[in-house]
C-alpha atoms as a PDB file:
ATOM      1  CA  UNK A   1      29.842  59.489 -88.103  1.00  0.00           C
ATOM      2  CA  UNK A   2      26.098  61.104 -87.082  1.00  0.00           C
ATOM      3  CA  UNK A   3      22.753  60.440 -86.015  1.00  0.00           C
ATOM      4  CA  UNK A   4      20.887  60.964 -89.674  1.00  0.00           C
ATOM      5  CA  UNK A   5      19.363  63.493 -89.635  1.00  0.00           C
ATOM      6  CA  UNK A   6      16.062  62.647 -90.666  1.00  0.00           C
ATOM      7  CA  UNK A   7      16.657  59.984 -88.041  1.00  0.00           C
ATOM      8  CA  UNK A   8      17.334  62.195 -84.999  1.00  0.00           C
ATOM      9  CA  UNK A   9      15.044  65.040 -85.587  1.00  0.00           C
ATOM     10  CA  UNK A  10      12.400  61.425 -86.232  1.00  0.00           C
ATOM     11  CA  UNK A  11      13.647  59.978 -82.196  1.00  0.00           C
ATOM     12  CA  UNK A  12      13.710  63.628 -80.031  1.00  0.00           C
ATOM     13  CA  UNK A  13      10.510  62.769 -78.014  1.00  0.00           C
ATOM     14  CA  UNK A  14      11.104  58.636 -77.980  1.00  0.00           C
ATOM     15  CA  UNK A  15      10.264  57.782 -75.088  1.00  0.00           C
ATOM     16  CA  UNK A  16       9.146  54.130 -74.888  1.00  0.00           C
ATOM     17  CA  UNK A  17       8.000  51.651 -77.782  1.00  0.00           C
ATOM     18  CA  UNK A  18       5.450  53.553 -77.991  1.00  0.00           C
ATOM     19  CA  UNK A  19       5.884  56.327 -79.136  1.00  0.00           C
ATOM     20  CA  UNK A  20       8.633  54.900 -81.456  1.00  0.00           C
ATOM     21  CA  UNK A  21       6.065  53.113 -83.454  1.00  0.00           C
ATOM     22  CA  UNK A  22       4.393  56.515 -83.066  1.00  0.00           C
ATOM     23  CA  UNK A  23       7.398  58.181 -84.743  1.00  0.00           C
ATOM     24  CA  UNK A  24       8.166  54.961 -88.026  1.00  0.00           C
ATOM     25  CA  UNK A  25       4.890  55.838 -88.542  1.00  0.00           C
ATOM     26  CA  UNK A  26       4.445  59.571 -88.487  1.00  0.00           C
ATOM     27  CA  UNK A  27       8.062  58.995 -90.761  1.00  0.00           C
ATOM     28  CA  UNK A  28       6.841  56.502 -93.623  1.00  0.00           C
ATOM     29  CA  UNK A  29       3.099  57.022 -93.611  1.00  0.00           C
ATOM     30  CA  UNK A  30       3.994  58.031 -97.167  1.00  0.00           C
ATOM     31  CA  UNK A  31       4.812  53.620 -97.777  1.00  0.00           C
ATOM     32  CA  UNK A  32       2.384  51.343 -99.412  1.00  0.00           C
ATOM     33  CA  UNK A  33       3.965  47.877 -99.112  1.00  0.00           C
ATOM     34  CA  UNK A  34       3.930  45.660-101.883  1.00  0.00           C
ATOM     35  CA  UNK A  35       1.736  43.245-102.815  1.00  0.00           C
ATOM     36  CA  UNK A  36       3.301  39.925-103.661  1.00  0.00           C
ATOM     37  CA  UNK A  37       0.596  36.170-102.922  1.00  0.00           C
ATOM     38  CA  UNK A  38       1.238  35.782 -98.562  1.00  0.00           C
ATOM     39  CA  UNK A  39       0.329  32.078 -97.427  1.00  0.00           C
ATOM     40  CA  UNK A  40       0.484  30.853 -94.039  1.00  0.00           C
ATOM     41  CA  UNK A  41       1.692  27.675 -92.687  1.00  0.00           C
ATOM     42  CA  UNK A  42       2.668  24.724 -90.018  1.00  0.00           C
ATOM     43  CA  UNK A  43       6.284  23.295 -89.477  1.00  0.00           C
ATOM     44  CA  UNK A  44       6.562  20.106 -86.938  1.00  0.00           C
ATOM     45  CA  UNK A  45       8.724  21.324 -84.603  1.00  0.00           C
ATOM     46  CA  UNK A  46      10.173  19.792 -80.910  1.00  0.00           C
ATOM     47  CA  UNK A  47       8.135  21.699 -78.602  1.00  0.00           C
ATOM     48  CA  UNK A  48       4.850  22.026 -81.166  1.00  0.00           C
ATOM     49  CA  UNK A  49       3.810  23.663 -84.909  1.00  0.00           C
ATOM     50  CA  UNK A  50       6.150  26.274 -85.463  1.00  0.00           C
ATOM     51  CA  UNK A  51       3.680  29.053 -88.114  1.00  0.00           C
ATOM     52  CA  UNK A  52       5.674  30.370 -91.310  1.00  0.00           C
ATOM     53  CA  UNK A  53       4.654  32.745 -93.415  1.00  0.00           C
ATOM     54  CA  UNK A  54       5.896  32.762 -97.182  1.00  0.00           C
ATOM     55  CA  UNK A  55       5.414  35.595 -99.239  1.00  0.00           C
ATOM     56  CA  UNK A  56       5.859  34.824-103.143  1.00  0.00           C
ATOM     57  CA  UNK A  57       5.634  36.350-106.465  1.00  0.00           C
ATOM     58  CA  UNK A  58       2.633  37.566-108.091  1.00  0.00           C
ATOM     59  CA  UNK A  59       2.999  35.868-111.206  1.00  0.00           C
ATOM     60  CA  UNK A  60       3.640  31.805-109.720  1.00  0.00           C
ATOM     61  CA  UNK A  61       8.130  31.543-109.629  1.00  0.00           C
ATOM     62  CA  UNK A  62       9.878  28.835-111.043  1.00  0.00           C
ATOM     63  CA  UNK A  63      13.778  28.277-109.589  1.00  0.00           C
ATOM     64  CA  UNK A  64      14.100  31.727-107.525  1.00  0.00           C
ATOM     65  CA  UNK A  65      16.198  32.872-104.433  1.00  0.00           C
ATOM     66  CA  UNK A  66      14.236  32.263-101.493  1.00  0.00           C
ATOM     67  CA  UNK A  67      15.603  32.791 -97.774  1.00  0.00           C
ATOM     68  CA  UNK A  68      13.957  32.154 -94.220  1.00  0.00           C
ATOM     69  CA  UNK A  69      14.391  34.848 -93.003  1.00  0.00           C
ATOM     70  CA  UNK A  70      14.481  36.122 -88.545  1.00  0.00           C
ATOM     71  CA  UNK A  71      12.509  38.965 -86.853  1.00  0.00           C
ATOM     72  CA  UNK A  72      14.202  40.542 -83.821  1.00  0.00           C
ATOM     73  CA  UNK A  73      13.369  41.734 -80.373  1.00  0.00           C
ATOM     74  CA  UNK A  74      16.562  41.006 -78.235  1.00  0.00           C
ATOM     75  CA  UNK A  75      13.775  36.926 -78.354  1.00  0.00           C
ATOM     76  CA  UNK A  76      11.152  37.900 -76.645  1.00  0.00           C
ATOM     77  CA  UNK A  77       9.396  40.867 -78.441  1.00  0.00           C
ATOM     78  CA  UNK A  78       9.275  41.065 -82.119  1.00  0.00           C
ATOM     79  CA  UNK A  79       6.626  38.314 -84.215  1.00  0.00           C
ATOM     80  CA  UNK A  80       6.012  37.830 -88.386  1.00  0.00           C
ATOM     81  CA  UNK A  81       3.583  41.621 -88.520  1.00  0.00           C
ATOM     82  CA  UNK A  82       6.368  43.533 -87.484  1.00  0.00           C
ATOM     83  CA  UNK A  83       8.116  45.669 -90.085  1.00  0.00           C
ATOM     84  CA  UNK A  84      11.548  43.936 -90.225  1.00  0.00           C
ATOM     85  CA  UNK A  85       9.451  41.217 -90.889  1.00  0.00           C
ATOM     86  CA  UNK A  86       6.916  41.267 -93.436  1.00  0.00           C
ATOM     87  CA  UNK A  87       8.136  45.087 -94.702  1.00  0.00           C
ATOM     88  CA  UNK A  88      11.213  43.334 -95.482  1.00  0.00           C
ATOM     89  CA  UNK A  89      10.157  39.900 -97.268  1.00  0.00           C
ATOM     90  CA  UNK A  90       7.246  41.827 -99.364  1.00  0.00           C
ATOM     91  CA  UNK A  91      10.566  44.082-100.136  1.00  0.00           C
ATOM     92  CA  UNK A  92      12.500  41.263-101.219  1.00  0.00           C
ATOM     93  CA  UNK A  93       9.880  40.231-103.523  1.00  0.00           C
ATOM     94  CA  UNK A  94       9.841  42.751-104.861  1.00  0.00           C
ATOM     95  CA  UNK A  95      13.573  43.252-105.588  1.00  0.00           C
ATOM     96  CA  UNK A  96      15.062  40.079-105.729  1.00  0.00           C
ATOM     97  CA  UNK A  97      12.133  38.007-107.371  1.00  0.00           C
ATOM     98  CA  UNK A  98      12.530  36.029-104.624  1.00  0.00           C
ATOM     99  CA  UNK A  99      10.247  33.616-101.979  1.00  0.00           C
ATOM    100  CA  UNK A 100      10.772  34.500 -98.131  1.00  0.00           C
ATOM    101  CA  UNK A 101       9.537  32.508 -95.787  1.00  0.00           C
ATOM    102  CA  UNK A 102       9.496  34.257 -92.371  1.00  0.00           C
ATOM    103  CA  UNK A 103       9.298  31.845 -89.587  1.00  0.00           C
ATOM    104  CA  UNK A 104       6.680  32.991 -86.084  1.00  0.00           C
ATOM    105  CA  UNK A 105       9.618  31.125 -84.107  1.00  0.00           C
ATOM    106  CA  UNK A 106       8.609  31.271 -80.177  1.00  0.00           C
ATOM    107  CA  UNK A 107       9.375  33.740 -77.837  1.00  0.00           C
ATOM    108  CA  UNK A 108      12.231  33.306 -74.903  1.00  0.00           C
ATOM    109  CA  UNK A 109      10.253  34.003 -71.304  1.00  0.00           C
ATOM    110  CA  UNK A 110      10.832  32.253 -68.129  1.00  0.00           C
ATOM    111  CA  UNK A 111       8.494  28.844 -69.395  1.00  0.00           C
ATOM    112  CA  UNK A 112      10.814  29.188 -72.496  1.00  0.00           C
ATOM    113  CA  UNK A 113      13.957  29.532 -73.065  1.00  0.00           C
ATOM    114  CA  UNK A 114      16.676  28.617 -75.082  1.00  0.00           C
ATOM    115  CA  UNK A 115      17.293  26.583 -76.774  1.00  0.00           C
ATOM    116  CA  UNK A 116      13.721  26.665 -78.539  1.00  0.00           C
ATOM    117  CA  UNK A 117      13.294  29.843 -80.035  1.00  0.00           C
ATOM    118  CA  UNK A 118      16.875  28.385 -82.090  1.00  0.00           C
ATOM    119  CA  UNK A 119      14.987  24.586 -82.825  1.00  0.00           C
ATOM    120  CA  UNK A 120      11.933  26.459 -84.370  1.00  0.00           C
ATOM    121  CA  UNK A 121      13.788  28.096 -87.024  1.00  0.00           C
ATOM    122  CA  UNK A 122      15.381  24.990 -87.667  1.00  0.00           C
ATOM    123  CA  UNK A 123      12.349  22.374 -88.240  1.00  0.00           C
ATOM    124  CA  UNK A 124      11.099  25.847 -90.584  1.00  0.00           C
ATOM    125  CA  UNK A 125      14.446  26.114 -92.360  1.00  0.00           C
ATOM    126  CA  UNK A 126      14.012  21.986 -92.192  1.00  0.00           C
ATOM    127  CA  UNK A 127      10.536  22.350 -93.714  1.00  0.00           C
ATOM    128  CA  UNK A 128      10.834  24.823 -96.452  1.00  0.00           C
ATOM    129  CA  UNK A 129      14.294  22.872 -97.473  1.00  0.00           C
ATOM    130  CA  UNK A 130      11.569  19.638 -98.022  1.00  0.00           C
ATOM    131  CA  UNK A 131       9.175  22.073 -99.450  1.00  0.00           C
ATOM    132  CA  UNK A 132      11.366  24.331-101.677  1.00  0.00           C
ATOM    133  CA  UNK A 133      10.679  22.765-105.104  1.00  0.00           C
ATOM    134  CA  UNK A 134       6.695  23.733-103.821  1.00  0.00           C
ATOM    135  CA  UNK A 135       7.159  26.874-103.586  1.00  0.00           C
ATOM    136  CA  UNK A 136       8.894  27.764-107.319  1.00  0.00           C
ATOM    137  CA  UNK A 137      12.080  27.372-104.925  1.00  0.00           C
ATOM    138  CA  UNK A 138      15.007  26.456-106.392  1.00  0.00           C
ATOM    139  CA  UNK A 139      16.646  23.974-103.721  1.00  0.00           C
ATOM    140  CA  UNK A 140      20.234  25.334-103.972  1.00  0.00           C
ATOM    141  CA  UNK A 141      19.527  29.569-104.034  1.00  0.00           C
ATOM    142  CA  UNK A 142      17.349  29.036-100.912  1.00  0.00           C
ATOM    143  CA  UNK A 143      19.003  31.613 -98.162  1.00  0.00           C
ATOM    144  CA  UNK A 144      19.325  31.473 -93.962  1.00  0.00           C
ATOM    145  CA  UNK A 145      19.359  35.124 -92.886  1.00  0.00           C
ATOM    146  CA  UNK A 146      18.198  37.146 -89.989  1.00  0.00           C
ATOM    147  CA  UNK A 147      17.940  40.645 -87.997  1.00  0.00           C
ATOM    148  CA  UNK A 148      19.619  41.322 -84.875  1.00  0.00           C
ATOM    149  CA  UNK A 149      18.179  39.097 -81.944  1.00  0.00           C
ATOM    150  CA  UNK A 150      17.095  37.314 -85.368  1.00  0.00           C
ATOM    151  CA  UNK A 151      20.776  37.068 -87.104  1.00  0.00           C
ATOM    152  CA  UNK A 152      21.817  35.262 -83.964  1.00  0.00           C
ATOM    153  CA  UNK A 153      19.517  32.434 -84.456  1.00  0.00           C
ATOM    154  CA  UNK A 154      19.793  32.179 -88.840  1.00  0.00           C
ATOM    155  CA  UNK A 155      24.148  31.901 -87.203  1.00  0.00           C
ATOM    156  CA  UNK A 156      23.653  29.524 -84.521  1.00  0.00           C
ATOM    157  CA  UNK A 157      21.362  27.668 -87.418  1.00  0.00           C
ATOM    158  CA  UNK A 158      24.404  28.173 -89.858  1.00  0.00           C
ATOM    159  CA  UNK A 159      27.015  26.857 -87.903  1.00  0.00           C
ATOM    160  CA  UNK A 160      24.021  23.322 -86.940  1.00  0.00           C
ATOM    161  CA  UNK A 161      23.383  22.819 -90.513  1.00  0.00           C
ATOM    162  CA  UNK A 162      27.800  22.923 -90.520  1.00  0.00           C
ATOM    163  CA  UNK A 163      27.768  20.457 -87.628  1.00  0.00           C
ATOM    164  CA  UNK A 164      24.317  18.329 -87.947  1.00  0.00           C
ATOM    165  CA  UNK A 165      24.702  17.625 -92.124  1.00  0.00           C
ATOM    166  CA  UNK A 166      21.714  18.316 -94.284  1.00  0.00           C
ATOM    167  CA  UNK A 167      21.145  20.989 -96.736  1.00  0.00           C
ATOM    168  CA  UNK A 168      23.524  24.248 -95.621  1.00  0.00           C
ATOM    169  CA  UNK A 169      22.189  27.918 -96.869  1.00  0.00           C
ATOM    170  CA  UNK A 170      23.306  29.717-100.636  1.00  0.00           C
ATOM    171  CA  UNK A 171      23.905  32.595 -98.616  1.00  0.00           C
ATOM    172  CA  UNK A 172      23.872  33.700 -95.017  1.00  0.00           C
ATOM    173  CA  UNK A 173      22.867  37.251 -94.152  1.00  0.00           C
ATOM    174  CA  UNK A 174      22.949  39.172 -90.803  1.00  0.00           C
ATOM    175  CA  UNK A 175      21.262  42.115 -89.965  1.00  0.00           C
ATOM    176  CA  UNK A 176      22.744  44.171 -87.306  1.00  0.00           C
ATOM    177  CA  UNK A 177      23.413  40.794 -84.825  1.00  0.00           C
ATOM    178  CA  UNK A 178      23.659  40.017 -81.307  1.00  0.00           C
ATOM    179  CA  UNK A 179      26.404  37.427 -82.151  1.00  0.00           C
ATOM    180  CA  UNK A 180      29.266  37.332 -78.893  1.00  0.00           C
ATOM    181  CA  UNK A 181      28.761  37.896 -75.235  1.00  0.00           C
ATOM    182  CA  UNK A 182      30.137  40.441 -73.548  1.00  0.00           C
ATOM    183  CA  UNK A 183      30.027  42.748 -77.469  1.00  0.00           C
ATOM    184  CA  UNK A 184      33.262  44.424 -78.890  1.00  0.00           C
ATOM    185  CA  UNK A 185      33.570  47.082 -77.717  1.00  0.00           C
ATOM    186  CA  UNK A 186      33.403  50.102 -80.410  1.00  0.00           C
ATOM    187  CA  UNK A 187      33.556  53.487 -80.305  1.00  0.00           C
ATOM    188  CA  UNK A 188      30.959  55.714 -81.563  1.00  0.00           C
ATOM    189  CA  UNK A 189      30.129  59.053 -82.469  1.00  0.00           C
ATOM    190  CA  UNK A 190      26.188  59.728 -82.625  1.00  0.00           C
ATOM    191  CA  UNK A 191      24.654  56.581 -79.538  1.00  0.00           C
ATOM    192  CA  UNK A 192      24.612  59.340 -76.976  1.00  0.00           C
ATOM    193  CA  UNK A 193      21.369  60.920 -79.085  1.00  0.00           C
ATOM    194  CA  UNK A 194      19.336  57.776 -79.470  1.00  0.00           C
ATOM    195  CA  UNK A 195      16.764  56.813 -77.269  1.00  0.00           C
ATOM    196  CA  UNK A 196      17.282  53.889 -74.614  1.00  0.00           C
ATOM    197  CA  UNK A 197      15.530  51.409 -76.430  1.00  0.00           C
ATOM    198  CA  UNK A 198      18.056  51.902 -78.689  1.00  0.00           C
ATOM    199  CA  UNK A 199      20.632  50.829 -76.651  1.00  0.00           C
ATOM    200  CA  UNK A 200      22.114  48.378 -76.170  1.00  0.00           C
ATOM    201  CA  UNK A 201      25.935  48.369 -73.771  1.00  0.00           C
ATOM    202  CA  UNK A 202      26.766  45.869 -71.557  1.00  0.00           C
ATOM    203  CA  UNK A 203      23.216  45.942 -68.823  1.00  0.00           C
ATOM    204  CA  UNK A 204      21.360  45.777 -72.066  1.00  0.00           C
ATOM    205  CA  UNK A 205      22.631  42.632 -72.804  1.00  0.00           C
ATOM    206  CA  UNK A 206      23.463  41.851 -69.783  1.00  0.00           C
ATOM    207  CA  UNK A 207      18.919  41.364 -69.809  1.00  0.00           C
ATOM    208  CA  UNK A 208      19.188  39.913 -72.748  1.00  0.00           C
ATOM    209  CA  UNK A 209      21.089  36.837 -72.428  1.00  0.00           C
ATOM    210  CA  UNK A 210      19.382  36.731 -68.938  1.00  0.00           C
ATOM    211  CA  UNK A 211      16.494  35.943 -70.655  1.00  0.00           C
ATOM    212  CA  UNK A 212      17.161  34.249 -73.191  1.00  0.00           C
ATOM    213  CA  UNK A 213      19.756  31.424 -71.396  1.00  0.00           C
ATOM    214  CA  UNK A 214      18.654  32.178 -68.431  1.00  0.00           C
ATOM    215  CA  UNK A 215      21.957  33.228 -66.844  1.00  0.00           C
ATOM    216  CA  UNK A 216      24.816  34.785 -67.746  1.00  0.00           C
ATOM    217  CA  UNK A 217      28.195  32.489 -67.555  1.00  0.00           C
ATOM    218  CA  UNK A 218      29.422  29.570 -69.097  1.00  0.00           C
ATOM    219  CA  UNK A 219      26.723  29.903 -72.658  1.00  0.00           C
ATOM    220  CA  UNK A 220      26.295  27.463 -75.199  1.00  0.00           C
ATOM    221  CA  UNK A 221      28.393  27.877 -77.930  1.00  0.00           C
ATOM    222  CA  UNK A 222      24.484  27.654 -79.695  1.00  0.00           C
ATOM    223  CA  UNK A 223      22.932  30.427 -78.087  1.00  0.00           C
ATOM    224  CA  UNK A 224      26.453  33.043 -78.110  1.00  0.00           C
ATOM    225  CA  UNK A 225      27.295  31.800 -82.302  1.00  0.00           C
ATOM    226  CA  UNK A 226      30.208  34.281 -82.196  1.00  0.00           C
ATOM    227  CA  UNK A 227      32.374  32.248 -79.948  1.00  0.00           C
ATOM    228  CA  UNK A 228      32.312  28.995 -82.633  1.00  0.00           C
ATOM    229  CA  UNK A 229      34.460  28.898 -85.125  1.00  0.00           C
ATOM    230  CA  UNK A 230      31.680  29.379 -88.782  1.00  0.00           C
ATOM    231  CA  UNK A 231      35.040  26.922 -90.595  1.00  0.00           C
ATOM    232  CA  UNK A 232      32.193  26.547 -93.472  1.00  0.00           C
ATOM    233  CA  UNK A 233      29.162  28.864 -93.569  1.00  0.00           C
ATOM    234  CA  UNK A 234      28.328  29.972 -96.853  1.00  0.00           C
ATOM    235  CA  UNK A 235      29.206  33.557 -98.418  1.00  0.00           C
ATOM    236  CA  UNK A 236      28.000  35.786 -95.561  1.00  0.00           C
ATOM    237  CA  UNK A 237      26.744  38.883 -96.079  1.00  0.00           C
ATOM    238  CA  UNK A 238      26.555  41.855 -92.786  1.00  0.00           C
ATOM    239  CA  UNK A 239      23.893  44.544 -92.562  1.00  0.00           C
ATOM    240  CA  UNK A 240      24.856  46.785 -89.742  1.00  0.00           C
ATOM    241  CA  UNK A 241      23.335  49.826 -88.432  1.00  0.00           C
ATOM    242  CA  UNK A 242      26.661  52.248 -87.898  1.00  0.00           C
ATOM    243  CA  UNK A 243      25.036  54.236 -85.002  1.00  0.00           C
ATOM    244  CA  UNK A 244      24.778  51.028 -83.244  1.00  0.00           C
ATOM    245  CA  UNK A 245      26.151  49.582 -80.224  1.00  0.00           C
ATOM    246  CA  UNK A 246      25.912  45.662 -81.070  1.00  0.00           C
ATOM    247  CA  UNK A 247      27.818  47.412 -84.260  1.00  0.00           C
ATOM    248  CA  UNK A 248      30.967  45.925 -82.711  1.00  0.00           C
ATOM    249  CA  UNK A 249      29.489  41.505 -82.763  1.00  0.00           C
ATOM    250  CA  UNK A 250      29.102  42.375 -86.672  1.00  0.00           C
ATOM    251  CA  UNK A 251      32.656  43.714 -87.545  1.00  0.00           C
ATOM    252  CA  UNK A 252      34.462  41.593 -85.542  1.00  0.00           C
ATOM    253  CA  UNK A 253      32.102  38.253 -87.341  1.00  0.00           C
ATOM    254  CA  UNK A 254      33.643  39.177 -90.327  1.00  0.00           C
ATOM    255  CA  UNK A 255      37.433  39.023 -89.122  1.00  0.00           C
ATOM    256  CA  UNK A 256      36.465  36.024 -87.534  1.00  0.00           C
ATOM    257  CA  UNK A 257      34.686  34.627 -90.401  1.00  0.00           C
ATOM    258  CA  UNK A 258      37.459  36.074 -93.335  1.00  0.00           C
ATOM    259  CA  UNK A 259      39.453  34.182 -91.066  1.00  0.00           C
ATOM    260  CA  UNK A 260      37.878  30.765 -91.322  1.00  0.00           C
ATOM    261  CA  UNK A 261      38.009  31.393 -94.840  1.00  0.00           C
ATOM    262  CA  UNK A 262      34.463  31.998 -96.003  1.00  0.00           C
ATOM    263  CA  UNK A 263      33.292  35.123 -97.960  1.00  0.00           C
ATOM    264  CA  UNK A 264      31.924  38.008 -96.471  1.00  0.00           C
ATOM    265  CA  UNK A 265      31.260  40.900 -97.479  1.00  0.00           C
ATOM    266  CA  UNK A 266      29.844  43.652 -94.976  1.00  0.00           C
ATOM    267  CA  UNK A 267      27.391  47.041 -95.514  1.00  0.00           C
ATOM    268  CA  UNK A 268      26.749  49.832 -92.849  1.00  0.00           C
ATOM    269  CA  UNK A 269      24.361  52.035 -93.022  1.00  0.00           C
ATOM    270  CA  UNK A 270      25.416  55.241 -92.241  1.00  0.00           C
ATOM    271  CA  UNK A 271      23.634  56.881 -90.278  1.00  0.00           C
ATOM    272  CA  UNK A 272      21.672  54.953 -88.746  1.00  0.00           C
ATOM    273  CA  UNK A 273      21.011  53.389 -85.798  1.00  0.00           C
ATOM    274  CA  UNK A 274      19.945  49.801 -84.697  1.00  0.00           C
ATOM    275  CA  UNK A 275      16.895  48.335 -86.112  1.00  0.00           C
ATOM    276  CA  UNK A 276      17.223  50.580 -89.035  1.00  0.00           C
ATOM    277  CA  UNK A 277      15.329  47.515 -91.242  1.00  0.00           C
ATOM    278  CA  UNK A 278      12.134  48.179 -89.003  1.00  0.00           C
ATOM    279  CA  UNK A 279      11.429  51.163 -90.636  1.00  0.00           C
ATOM    280  CA  UNK A 280       9.928  50.783 -94.372  1.00  0.00           C
ATOM    281  CA  UNK A 281      11.494  52.136 -96.634  1.00  0.00           C
ATOM    282  CA  UNK A 282      11.015  56.517 -97.273  1.00  0.00           C
ATOM    283  CA  UNK A 283      13.602  58.601-100.029  1.00  0.00           C
ATOM    284  CA  UNK A 284      13.818  60.630 -96.641  1.00  0.00           C
ATOM    285  CA  UNK A 285      15.684  57.921 -95.144  1.00  0.00           C
ATOM    286  CA  UNK A 286      17.850  55.674 -98.595  1.00  0.00           C
ATOM    287  CA  UNK A 287      19.817  53.574 -96.028  1.00  0.00           C
ATOM    288  CA  UNK A 288      17.355  51.651 -95.553  1.00  0.00           C
ATOM    289  CA  UNK A 289      15.931  50.335 -99.758  1.00  0.00           C
ATOM    290  CA  UNK A 290      20.462  50.711 -99.570  1.00  0.00           C
ATOM    291  CA  UNK A 291      20.672  47.748 -97.798  1.00  0.00           C
ATOM    292  CA  UNK A 292      17.122  45.847 -98.676  1.00  0.00           C
ATOM    293  CA  UNK A 293      18.830  46.482-102.438  1.00  0.00           C
ATOM    294  CA  UNK A 294      22.524  44.755-101.150  1.00  0.00           C
ATOM    295  CA  UNK A 295      19.865  41.854 -99.607  1.00  0.00           C
ATOM    296  CA  UNK A 296      18.056  41.537-102.494  1.00  0.00           C
ATOM    297  CA  UNK A 297      21.581  41.276-104.347  1.00  0.00           C
ATOM    298  CA  UNK A 298      23.363  38.232-102.699  1.00  0.00           C
ATOM    299  CA  UNK A 299      19.331  36.641-103.242  1.00  0.00           C
ATOM    300  CA  UNK A 300      19.446  37.258-106.580  1.00  0.00           C
ATOM    301  CA  UNK A 301      22.663  35.908-106.869  1.00  0.00           C
ATOM    302  CA  UNK A 302      22.774  32.605-105.418  1.00  0.00           C
ATOM    303  CA  UNK A 303      23.136  30.159-108.227  1.00  0.00           C
ATOM    304  CA  UNK A 304      24.995  31.909-111.299  1.00  0.00           C
END
């Protein structure tokens, strides 16, 4: 187990997120975004309108698979223009013939704590289920997913849907999610080769939880969905990054899902650091495309 050689070279001088953006841009300069139909919408939420961007195939679909997709960013950063949102959505439209809706949830901050981001995601889910046919989605083929903090929000939304009733996702897709606190420790060679911004040790995870919930004790189950019981969850794909200190959270959740009788599949992107879906797929990084293909297969198989 070691950091992918191409990634290691690209990250060698990275100290902050600006450096990271430059490194990724240089690494993926040959990438051409997929041409899809894009439209902007607004879903009603408890704190006001929630922006939702819908991506569809250029030829208007009918009975297509659908996905509500939630970006990451530690609950405090990220948006629907980042690669983990925009590129992933475009790629899944192209690879699965899916309709993908990306939710621009409120970010956590001093005036916006849990459950505001989660409420926005749940509101977007309700809005999308009510309009599935309008977007060419078969209602029984609508799935839910997200990456990192977005994976947390997707899993917490799935848990709420089990508890409260209402339309359930056809499948759940969780990319390198943060589902537990503290995060279960796993021994990972290669993490010492990562820049600090891609490390997720105890100190970083404390900061994330304090930013999201405002504390690190007596955390609500909705804030750390791995602390609950996932009985009733839909079949789940866990798409993990191998060189990632959050990998233990995904691996433990896979065990919890199996113990609850939920079908689960785990895909690990070899040599990839946390956030590998925030990198556009290029030939020099085949694990990114492999993960996208795994998600596309899940979406294409819904309703079969």
